[in-house]
């Protein structure tokens, strides 16, 4: 994951697995990142993320500050896996990231 938070649609990572847009609550606080155009057969799709999902936290790090989420993703131990909390159609959902998936 990478890119410049605050632009409407930015590639995530150099591989372009998806695009994202910040999602704010009524007070303007960042609530998460909406995934747009998750690429078929990408690592994001393989772990269960879909276009339209709003990523709320990664490995327990809330996306109140977008850059922290990217740090959390980079810090995930690929051999251990982790967890991503998303909202899918408004319903909180936990996605287990299996070891070796990223």
N, C-alpha and C. Protein backbone atom coordinates (compact mmCIF):
# COMPACT_ATOMS: atom_id res chain seq x y z
N UNK A 1 0.85 -1.17 0.00
CA UNK A 1 0.00 0.00 0.00
C UNK A 1 0.89 1.23 0.00
N UNK A 2 0.45 2.24 -0.63
CA UNK A 2 1.20 3.49 -0.64
C UNK A 2 0.40 4.54 -1.36
N UNK A 3 0.96 5.68 -1.53
CA UNK A 3 0.26 6.72 -2.23
C UNK A 3 0.10 7.94 -1.36
N UNK A 4 -0.62 8.89 -1.86
CA UNK A 4 -0.81 10.15 -1.16
C UNK A 4 -2.26 10.23 -0.72
N UNK A 5 -2.49 10.12 0.58
CA UNK A 5 -3.83 10.21 1.12
C UNK A 5 -4.35 11.62 0.91
N UNK A 6 -5.60 11.73 0.55
CA UNK A 6 -6.19 13.04 0.35
C UNK A 6 -6.54 13.27 -1.10
N UNK A 7 -5.92 12.58 -2.00
CA UNK A 7 -6.34 12.63 -3.40
C UNK A 7 -7.48 11.64 -3.56
N UNK A 8 -8.39 11.94 -4.47
CA UNK A 8 -9.60 11.13 -4.55
C UNK A 8 -9.35 9.68 -4.90
N UNK A 9 -8.57 9.41 -5.91
CA UNK A 9 -8.34 8.03 -6.31
C UNK A 9 -6.85 7.88 -6.60
N UNK A 10 -6.20 7.05 -5.83
CA UNK A 10 -4.76 6.90 -5.93
C UNK A 10 -4.44 5.43 -6.00
N UNK A 11 -3.47 5.04 -6.84
CA UNK A 11 -3.06 3.64 -6.87
C UNK A 11 -2.52 3.23 -5.52
N UNK A 12 -2.82 2.01 -5.12
CA UNK A 12 -2.26 1.44 -3.91
C UNK A 12 -1.07 0.61 -4.34
N UNK A 13 0.09 1.03 -3.94
CA UNK A 13 1.30 0.29 -4.23
C UNK A 13 1.70 0.38 -5.69
N UNK A 14 2.92 0.03 -5.94
CA UNK A 14 3.45 0.10 -7.29
C UNK A 14 2.78 -0.92 -8.20
N UNK A 15 2.24 -2.00 -7.61
CA UNK A 15 1.63 -3.04 -8.43
C UNK A 15 0.23 -2.66 -8.89
N UNK A 16 -0.34 -1.57 -8.33
CA UNK A 16 -1.66 -1.13 -8.76
C UNK A 16 -2.75 -2.15 -8.48
N UNK A 17 -2.72 -2.81 -7.31
CA UNK A 17 -3.71 -3.84 -6.98
C UNK A 17 -5.11 -3.29 -6.82
N UNK A 18 -5.22 -2.01 -6.46
CA UNK A 18 -6.52 -1.38 -6.27
C UNK A 18 -6.31 0.12 -6.22
N UNK A 19 -7.42 0.84 -6.14
CA UNK A 19 -7.38 2.27 -5.92
C UNK A 19 -8.18 2.51 -4.64
N UNK A 20 -7.93 3.64 -3.99
CA UNK A 20 -8.67 3.92 -2.77
C UNK A 20 -9.08 5.38 -2.72
N UNK A 21 -10.06 5.65 -1.86
CA UNK A 21 -10.48 7.02 -1.58
C UNK A 21 -10.73 7.11 -0.09
N UNK A 22 -10.33 8.22 0.53
CA UNK A 22 -10.60 8.38 1.96
C UNK A 22 -12.10 8.50 2.20
N UNK A 23 -12.56 7.94 3.32
CA UNK A 23 -13.96 8.02 3.73
C UNK A 23 -13.98 8.76 5.06
N UNK A 24 -14.75 9.83 5.12
CA UNK A 24 -14.83 10.62 6.35
C UNK A 24 -16.22 10.52 6.95
N UNK A 25 -16.29 10.67 8.27
CA UNK A 25 -17.60 10.72 8.92
C UNK A 25 -18.15 12.15 8.82
N UNK A 26 -19.31 12.38 9.40
CA UNK A 26 -19.98 13.68 9.29
C UNK A 26 -19.14 14.84 9.84
N UNK A 27 -18.25 14.54 10.79
CA UNK A 27 -17.42 15.60 11.38
C UNK A 27 -16.15 15.85 10.59
N UNK A 28 -15.92 15.06 9.53
CA UNK A 28 -14.72 15.22 8.72
C UNK A 28 -13.55 14.37 9.16
N UNK A 29 -13.75 13.53 10.17
CA UNK A 29 -12.70 12.64 10.65
C UNK A 29 -12.57 11.44 9.71
N UNK A 30 -11.34 11.08 9.39
CA UNK A 30 -11.10 9.91 8.53
C UNK A 30 -11.65 8.67 9.21
N UNK A 31 -12.53 7.95 8.52
CA UNK A 31 -13.13 6.74 9.05
C UNK A 31 -12.46 5.50 8.48
N UNK A 32 -11.92 5.62 7.28
CA UNK A 32 -11.28 4.48 6.65
C UNK A 32 -10.95 4.80 5.21
N UNK A 33 -10.55 3.78 4.48
CA UNK A 33 -10.24 3.92 3.06
C UNK A 33 -11.14 2.99 2.27
N UNK A 34 -11.90 3.57 1.34
CA UNK A 34 -12.75 2.77 0.47
C UNK A 34 -11.90 2.21 -0.67
N UNK A 35 -11.98 0.92 -0.86
CA UNK A 35 -11.24 0.29 -1.96
C UNK A 35 -12.07 0.38 -3.23
N UNK A 36 -11.43 0.80 -4.29
CA UNK A 36 -12.08 0.95 -5.59
C UNK A 36 -11.32 0.11 -6.60
N UNK A 37 -12.02 -0.57 -7.43
CA UNK A 37 -11.38 -1.32 -8.52
C UNK A 37 -10.30 -2.28 -8.06
N UNK A 38 -10.62 -3.15 -7.08
CA UNK A 38 -9.66 -4.18 -6.67
C UNK A 38 -9.42 -5.08 -7.87
N UNK A 39 -8.19 -5.22 -8.24
CA UNK A 39 -7.84 -5.98 -9.45
C UNK A 39 -8.06 -7.49 -9.25
N UNK A 40 -8.63 -8.14 -10.27
CA UNK A 40 -8.81 -9.59 -10.20
C UNK A 40 -7.47 -10.29 -9.98
N UNK A 41 -7.48 -11.31 -9.15
CA UNK A 41 -6.33 -12.15 -8.85
C UNK A 41 -5.18 -11.39 -8.17
N UNK A 42 -5.47 -10.22 -7.61
CA UNK A 42 -4.44 -9.50 -6.85
C UNK A 42 -4.37 -10.10 -5.45
N UNK A 43 -3.32 -9.77 -4.71
CA UNK A 43 -3.20 -10.24 -3.33
C UNK A 43 -4.37 -9.74 -2.49
N UNK A 44 -4.82 -8.52 -2.75
CA UNK A 44 -5.97 -7.98 -2.01
C UNK A 44 -7.22 -8.83 -2.25
N UNK A 45 -7.45 -9.19 -3.49
CA UNK A 45 -8.62 -10.03 -3.79
C UNK A 45 -8.45 -11.41 -3.16
N UNK A 46 -7.26 -11.96 -3.22
CA UNK A 46 -7.03 -13.30 -2.68
C UNK A 46 -7.26 -13.38 -1.17
N UNK A 47 -7.02 -12.26 -0.43
CA UNK A 47 -7.29 -12.31 1.01
C UNK A 47 -8.75 -11.99 1.33
N UNK A 48 -9.53 -11.66 0.30
CA UNK A 48 -10.97 -11.46 0.50
C UNK A 48 -11.45 -10.03 0.43
N UNK A 49 -10.58 -9.09 0.09
CA UNK A 49 -11.02 -7.71 -0.05
C UNK A 49 -11.68 -7.50 -1.41
N UNK A 50 -12.71 -6.65 -1.43
CA UNK A 50 -13.48 -6.39 -2.65
C UNK A 50 -13.61 -4.90 -2.88
N UNK A 51 -13.86 -4.54 -4.12
CA UNK A 51 -14.19 -3.15 -4.43
C UNK A 51 -15.41 -2.76 -3.61
N UNK A 52 -15.37 -1.58 -3.02
CA UNK A 52 -16.46 -1.11 -2.19
C UNK A 52 -16.23 -1.31 -0.70
N UNK A 53 -15.32 -2.21 -0.32
CA UNK A 53 -14.99 -2.40 1.10
C UNK A 53 -14.34 -1.12 1.63
N UNK A 54 -14.63 -0.80 2.89
CA UNK A 54 -13.97 0.31 3.57
C UNK A 54 -13.04 -0.30 4.61
N UNK A 55 -11.74 -0.13 4.42
CA UNK A 55 -10.76 -0.66 5.37
C UNK A 55 -10.72 0.28 6.56
N UNK A 56 -11.03 -0.28 7.75
CA UNK A 56 -11.11 0.51 8.98
C UNK A 56 -9.84 0.37 9.82
N UNK A 57 -9.27 -0.84 9.88
CA UNK A 57 -8.03 -1.04 10.62
C UNK A 57 -7.26 -2.20 10.01
N UNK A 58 -5.95 -2.16 10.25
CA UNK A 58 -5.05 -3.21 9.78
C UNK A 58 -4.19 -3.60 10.95
N UNK A 59 -4.20 -4.88 11.29
CA UNK A 59 -3.39 -5.39 12.41
C UNK A 59 -3.63 -4.58 13.67
N UNK A 60 -4.89 -4.19 13.89
CA UNK A 60 -5.25 -3.45 15.09
C UNK A 60 -4.98 -1.96 15.03
N UNK A 61 -4.41 -1.46 13.93
CA UNK A 61 -4.13 -0.04 13.78
C UNK A 61 -5.29 0.61 13.03
N UNK A 62 -6.04 1.48 13.71
CA UNK A 62 -7.18 2.15 13.09
C UNK A 62 -6.69 3.17 12.07
N UNK A 63 -7.49 3.40 11.06
CA UNK A 63 -7.10 4.29 9.98
C UNK A 63 -7.45 5.74 10.25
N UNK A 64 -7.46 6.14 11.49
CA UNK A 64 -7.70 7.54 11.81
C UNK A 64 -6.61 8.41 11.17
N UNK A 65 -5.46 7.83 10.96
CA UNK A 65 -4.39 8.47 10.21
C UNK A 65 -3.96 7.48 9.14
N UNK A 66 -4.27 7.80 7.90
CA UNK A 66 -4.06 6.86 6.79
C UNK A 66 -2.66 6.29 6.69
N UNK A 67 -1.64 7.12 6.91
CA UNK A 67 -0.27 6.62 6.76
C UNK A 67 0.04 5.52 7.77
N UNK A 68 -0.63 5.55 8.95
CA UNK A 68 -0.40 4.51 9.94
C UNK A 68 -0.86 3.16 9.41
N UNK A 69 -1.90 3.15 8.61
CA UNK A 69 -2.39 1.89 8.05
C UNK A 69 -1.36 1.29 7.11
N UNK A 70 -0.75 2.14 6.30
CA UNK A 70 0.26 1.64 5.38
C UNK A 70 1.45 1.09 6.15
N UNK A 71 1.83 1.76 7.23
CA UNK A 71 2.91 1.26 8.09
C UNK A 71 2.53 -0.10 8.68
N UNK A 72 1.26 -0.24 9.11
CA UNK A 72 0.80 -1.51 9.68
C UNK A 72 0.85 -2.62 8.65
N UNK A 73 0.44 -2.32 7.42
CA UNK A 73 0.50 -3.35 6.37
C UNK A 73 1.94 -3.76 6.10
N UNK A 74 2.82 -2.79 6.04
CA UNK A 74 4.24 -3.11 5.79
C UNK A 74 4.81 -3.94 6.93
N UNK A 75 4.29 -3.69 8.15
CA UNK A 75 4.82 -4.38 9.33
C UNK A 75 4.24 -5.78 9.51
N UNK A 76 3.16 -6.11 8.79
CA UNK A 76 2.60 -7.46 8.92
C UNK A 76 3.67 -8.49 8.58
N UNK A 77 3.82 -9.45 9.42
CA UNK A 77 4.77 -10.53 9.18
C UNK A 77 4.12 -11.50 8.20
N UNK A 78 4.62 -11.58 6.96
CA UNK A 78 3.99 -12.46 5.97
C UNK A 78 3.90 -13.92 6.42
N UNK A 79 4.84 -14.34 7.28
CA UNK A 79 4.80 -15.72 7.72
C UNK A 79 3.78 -15.94 8.84
N UNK A 80 3.33 -14.84 9.47
CA UNK A 80 2.37 -14.97 10.57
C UNK A 80 0.95 -14.57 10.19
N UNK A 81 0.79 -13.75 9.15
CA UNK A 81 -0.54 -13.28 8.77
C UNK A 81 -0.99 -12.17 9.70
N UNK A 82 -2.29 -11.90 9.72
CA UNK A 82 -2.83 -10.83 10.55
C UNK A 82 -4.31 -10.68 10.29
N UNK A 83 -4.83 -9.49 10.58
CA UNK A 83 -6.26 -9.26 10.44
C UNK A 83 -6.53 -7.85 9.92
N UNK A 84 -7.54 -7.74 9.06
CA UNK A 84 -7.98 -6.46 8.53
C UNK A 84 -9.45 -6.32 8.90
N UNK A 85 -9.81 -5.18 9.50
CA UNK A 85 -11.20 -4.89 9.81
C UNK A 85 -11.74 -3.99 8.71
N UNK A 86 -12.85 -4.42 8.11
CA UNK A 86 -13.46 -3.65 7.04
C UNK A 86 -14.94 -3.42 7.36
N UNK A 87 -15.54 -2.54 6.61
CA UNK A 87 -16.99 -2.43 6.56
C UNK A 87 -17.39 -2.82 5.14
N UNK A 88 -18.25 -3.81 5.05
CA UNK A 88 -18.75 -4.26 3.75
C UNK A 88 -20.26 -4.00 3.74
N UNK A 89 -20.67 -3.08 2.91
CA UNK A 89 -22.08 -2.66 2.85
C UNK A 89 -22.56 -2.24 4.23
N UNK A 90 -21.69 -1.53 4.98
CA UNK A 90 -22.04 -1.01 6.29
C UNK A 90 -21.90 -1.98 7.44
N UNK A 91 -21.54 -3.23 7.15
CA UNK A 91 -21.44 -4.26 8.20
C UNK A 91 -19.96 -4.49 8.53
N UNK A 92 -19.57 -4.29 9.82
CA UNK A 92 -18.19 -4.58 10.20
C UNK A 92 -17.86 -6.06 9.98
N UNK A 93 -16.72 -6.30 9.34
CA UNK A 93 -16.30 -7.66 8.99
C UNK A 93 -14.81 -7.79 9.20
N UNK A 94 -14.40 -8.89 9.82
CA UNK A 94 -12.98 -9.15 10.01
C UNK A 94 -12.49 -10.11 8.92
N UNK A 95 -11.38 -9.73 8.32
CA UNK A 95 -10.74 -10.55 7.27
C UNK A 95 -9.44 -11.07 7.85
N UNK A 96 -9.32 -12.38 7.96
CA UNK A 96 -8.07 -12.99 8.41
C UNK A 96 -7.11 -13.05 7.22
N UNK A 97 -5.92 -12.56 7.43
CA UNK A 97 -4.89 -12.62 6.39
C UNK A 97 -4.02 -13.83 6.71
N UNK A 98 -4.14 -14.89 5.90
CA UNK A 98 -3.38 -16.09 6.20
C UNK A 98 -1.88 -15.89 5.99
N UNK A 99 -1.08 -16.65 6.71
CA UNK A 99 0.38 -16.57 6.50
C UNK A 99 0.73 -16.76 5.04
N UNK A 100 1.61 -15.92 4.56
CA UNK A 100 2.09 -16.02 3.17
C UNK A 100 1.18 -15.39 2.14
N UNK A 101 0.05 -14.79 2.55
CA UNK A 101 -0.91 -14.25 1.58
C UNK A 101 -0.47 -12.91 0.98
N UNK A 102 0.34 -12.16 1.70
CA UNK A 102 0.77 -10.84 1.19
C UNK A 102 2.22 -10.86 0.78
